[in-house]
């Protein structure tokens, strides 16, 4: 951890949409998933700042320079009967790691969760990402090893979500 460098976390503004898309693309490259990343500024702007905001973003700045981001949204726990926060993405540019940016982003996100009465803060991490896993464990996070993530996308999502014509079974 480096000393004497100020980390400031702030909510993203519409003018940050290009920055956030660039950070998302850097994250995708780090995760070796660039071919799956289709993020674009216009859509992200609409989804973050439009009439119906689907997600929120925090920007972590190091001495005024954007160094990372956290994109999150609310979910709901029926067992707790409380809202939760799902952290979709947390990314700090490699040259700004070990300055406390990631911890500052997660600390602010935890503060938001507490202030909003949330019962959980959850996220997923790729199994091979041992630096991230070590970081999360140091913060007190625990893996949910008995749970497995499932996903519907593309043709499977379209097939399930497209209504059948009347009379078809």
Protein backbone atom coordinates (compact mmCIF):
# COMPACT_ATOMS: atom_id res chain seq x y z
CA UNK A 1 0.00 0.00 0.00
CA UNK A 2 1.40 3.38 -1.01
CA UNK A 3 1.10 6.35 1.30
CA UNK A 4 0.16 10.01 0.91
CA UNK A 5 -2.05 9.64 -2.15
CA UNK A 6 -5.66 10.68 -1.74
CA UNK A 7 -8.32 8.22 -2.90
CA UNK A 8 -11.71 9.80 -3.54
CA UNK A 9 -14.80 7.82 -4.48
CA UNK A 10 -17.67 9.61 -6.18
CA UNK A 11 -20.85 8.67 -8.06
CA UNK A 12 -20.51 8.58 -11.83
CA UNK A 13 -22.04 11.42 -13.83
CA UNK A 14 -23.38 11.28 -17.41
CA UNK A 15 -20.10 12.81 -18.65
CA UNK A 16 -18.31 9.71 -17.24
CA UNK A 17 -20.04 7.25 -19.58
CA UNK A 18 -17.09 7.05 -22.03
CA UNK A 19 -14.69 6.53 -19.09
CA UNK A 20 -16.87 3.75 -17.66
CA UNK A 21 -17.12 1.98 -21.04
CA UNK A 22 -13.33 2.20 -21.40
CA UNK A 23 -12.91 0.72 -17.91
CA UNK A 24 -15.41 -2.04 -18.73
CA UNK A 25 -13.35 -2.89 -21.83
CA UNK A 26 -10.15 -2.95 -19.75
CA UNK A 27 -11.87 -5.29 -17.29
CA UNK A 28 -13.01 -7.55 -20.13
CA UNK A 29 -9.44 -7.71 -21.46
CA UNK A 30 -8.09 -8.52 -17.98
CA UNK A 31 -10.68 -11.30 -17.63
CA UNK A 32 -9.81 -12.59 -21.14
CA UNK A 33 -13.42 -11.90 -22.21
CA UNK A 34 -12.97 -9.05 -24.71
CA UNK A 35 -14.86 -11.00 -27.37
CA UNK A 36 -17.92 -10.99 -25.08
CA UNK A 37 -17.81 -7.25 -24.32
CA UNK A 38 -20.25 -5.17 -26.36
CA UNK A 39 -20.45 -2.13 -24.05
CA UNK A 40 -21.30 1.14 -25.75
CA UNK A 41 -21.55 4.68 -24.43
CA UNK A 42 -25.09 5.46 -25.60
CA UNK A 43 -26.68 2.36 -24.10
CA UNK A 44 -24.73 2.65 -20.85
CA UNK A 45 -25.71 6.32 -20.53
CA UNK A 46 -29.39 5.42 -20.95
CA UNK A 47 -29.17 2.55 -18.45
CA UNK A 48 -27.30 4.55 -15.81
CA UNK A 49 -28.86 7.99 -16.18
CA UNK A 50 -32.06 7.56 -18.22
CA UNK A 51 -35.68 7.53 -17.09
CA UNK A 52 -35.18 4.06 -15.53
CA UNK A 53 -31.75 3.60 -14.04
CA UNK A 54 -30.82 -0.08 -14.00
CA UNK A 55 -27.47 0.32 -12.28
CA UNK A 56 -25.20 2.79 -10.52
CA UNK A 57 -21.48 3.42 -10.80
CA UNK A 58 -18.87 4.66 -8.38
CA UNK A 59 -15.62 6.09 -9.73
CA UNK A 60 -12.45 5.75 -7.68
CA UNK A 61 -9.98 8.58 -8.26
CA UNK A 62 -6.38 8.74 -7.20
CA UNK A 63 -5.22 12.34 -6.77
CA UNK A 64 -8.04 13.37 -9.12
CA UNK A 65 -7.28 10.76 -11.80
CA UNK A 66 -9.95 8.09 -12.46
CA UNK A 67 -8.33 4.81 -11.43
CA UNK A 68 -11.21 2.33 -11.18
CA UNK A 69 -14.93 1.78 -10.92
CA UNK A 70 -17.65 -0.27 -9.28
CA UNK A 71 -20.94 -0.93 -11.10
CA UNK A 72 -23.77 -2.21 -8.92
CA UNK A 73 -27.52 -2.60 -8.68
CA UNK A 74 -30.13 -3.69 -6.16
CA UNK A 75 -31.38 -7.23 -5.75
CA UNK A 76 -33.67 -8.65 -3.09
CA UNK A 77 -33.33 -11.36 -0.45
CA UNK A 78 -36.59 -13.13 0.28
CA UNK A 79 -34.95 -14.93 3.22
CA UNK A 80 -33.92 -11.63 4.82
CA UNK A 81 -36.86 -9.65 3.37
CA UNK A 82 -34.36 -6.91 2.66
CA UNK A 83 -32.85 -5.37 -0.42
CA UNK A 84 -29.28 -6.20 -1.26
CA UNK A 85 -26.63 -4.85 -3.56
CA UNK A 86 -25.05 -6.91 -6.31
CA UNK A 87 -21.63 -5.73 -7.41
CA UNK A 88 -21.49 -6.52 -11.12
CA UNK A 89 -18.01 -5.15 -11.77
CA UNK A 90 -15.12 -3.89 -9.68
CA UNK A 91 -12.01 -2.91 -11.58
CA UNK A 92 -8.91 -0.89 -10.78
CA UNK A 93 -6.42 -0.14 -13.53
CA UNK A 94 -3.26 -2.21 -12.97
CA UNK A 95 -1.02 0.84 -12.51
CA UNK A 96 -3.25 2.06 -9.66
CA UNK A 97 -3.50 -1.18 -7.71
CA UNK A 98 -2.07 -1.29 -4.18
CA UNK A 99 -3.02 2.35 -3.59
CA UNK A 100 -6.28 1.49 -1.78
CA UNK A 101 -8.64 2.28 -4.67
CA UNK A 102 -10.37 -1.12 -4.62
CA UNK A 103 -10.81 -1.02 -0.86
CA UNK A 104 -12.14 2.55 -1.05
CA UNK A 105 -14.69 1.52 -3.70
CA UNK A 106 -15.86 -1.47 -1.67
CA UNK A 107 -15.93 0.57 1.53
CA UNK A 108 -18.16 3.18 -0.12
CA UNK A 109 -20.38 0.45 -1.55
CA UNK A 110 -20.70 -1.15 1.89
CA UNK A 111 -21.56 2.27 3.35
CA UNK A 112 -24.29 2.68 0.70
CA UNK A 113 -25.62 -0.80 1.48
CA UNK A 114 -25.82 -0.04 5.20
CA UNK A 115 -27.40 3.38 4.61
CA UNK A 116 -30.04 1.82 2.33
CA UNK A 117 -30.91 -0.93 4.81
CA UNK A 118 -29.49 -3.72 2.68
CA UNK A 119 -28.90 -7.15 4.15
CA UNK A 120 -26.21 -8.26 1.68
CA UNK A 121 -23.47 -7.14 -0.64
CA UNK A 122 -22.66 -9.88 -3.15
CA UNK A 123 -20.57 -10.41 -6.27
CA UNK A 124 -18.99 -13.11 -8.39
CA UNK A 125 -15.32 -13.64 -9.11
CA UNK A 126 -13.63 -15.83 -11.71
CA UNK A 127 -12.08 -18.93 -10.12
CA UNK A 128 -8.62 -18.21 -11.57
CA UNK A 129 -8.51 -14.61 -10.25
CA UNK A 130 -6.49 -15.36 -7.11
CA UNK A 131 -5.37 -11.74 -6.53
CA UNK A 132 -9.02 -10.62 -6.36
CA UNK A 133 -10.01 -13.61 -4.21
CA UNK A 134 -7.21 -12.87 -1.75
CA UNK A 135 -8.26 -9.22 -1.61
CA UNK A 136 -11.91 -10.13 -0.92
CA UNK A 137 -10.96 -12.65 1.77
CA UNK A 138 -8.81 -10.02 3.54
CA UNK A 139 -11.88 -7.76 3.69
CA UNK A 140 -13.91 -10.51 5.40
CA UNK A 141 -15.89 -11.77 2.38
CA UNK A 142 -16.73 -15.46 2.29
CA UNK A 143 -17.17 -17.65 -0.79
CA UNK A 144 -20.61 -19.15 -1.34
CA UNK A 145 -19.24 -22.51 -2.44
CA UNK A 146 -22.56 -24.34 -2.24
CA UNK A 147 -24.08 -22.00 -4.85
CA UNK A 148 -23.53 -22.16 -8.59
CA UNK A 149 -24.37 -19.38 -11.04
CA UNK A 150 -26.65 -20.17 -14.00
CA UNK A 151 -27.26 -17.91 -16.97
CA UNK A 152 -29.59 -17.66 -19.95
CA UNK A 153 -28.34 -15.55 -22.86
CA UNK A 154 -28.63 -15.31 -26.62
CA UNK A 155 -30.78 -17.88 -28.37
CA UNK A 156 -31.70 -19.74 -25.17
CA UNK A 157 -33.00 -16.54 -23.57
CA UNK A 158 -34.88 -15.59 -26.73
CA UNK A 159 -36.45 -19.05 -27.02
CA UNK A 160 -37.64 -19.06 -23.41
CA UNK A 161 -38.74 -15.43 -23.40
CA UNK A 162 -40.60 -15.34 -26.71
CA UNK A 163 -44.30 -16.07 -26.32
CA UNK A 164 -45.72 -18.93 -28.35
CA UNK A 165 -48.49 -18.06 -30.82
CA UNK A 166 -52.03 -18.51 -29.49
CA UNK A 167 -53.06 -22.16 -29.64
CA UNK A 168 -49.47 -23.47 -29.81
CA UNK A 169 -48.25 -25.76 -27.09
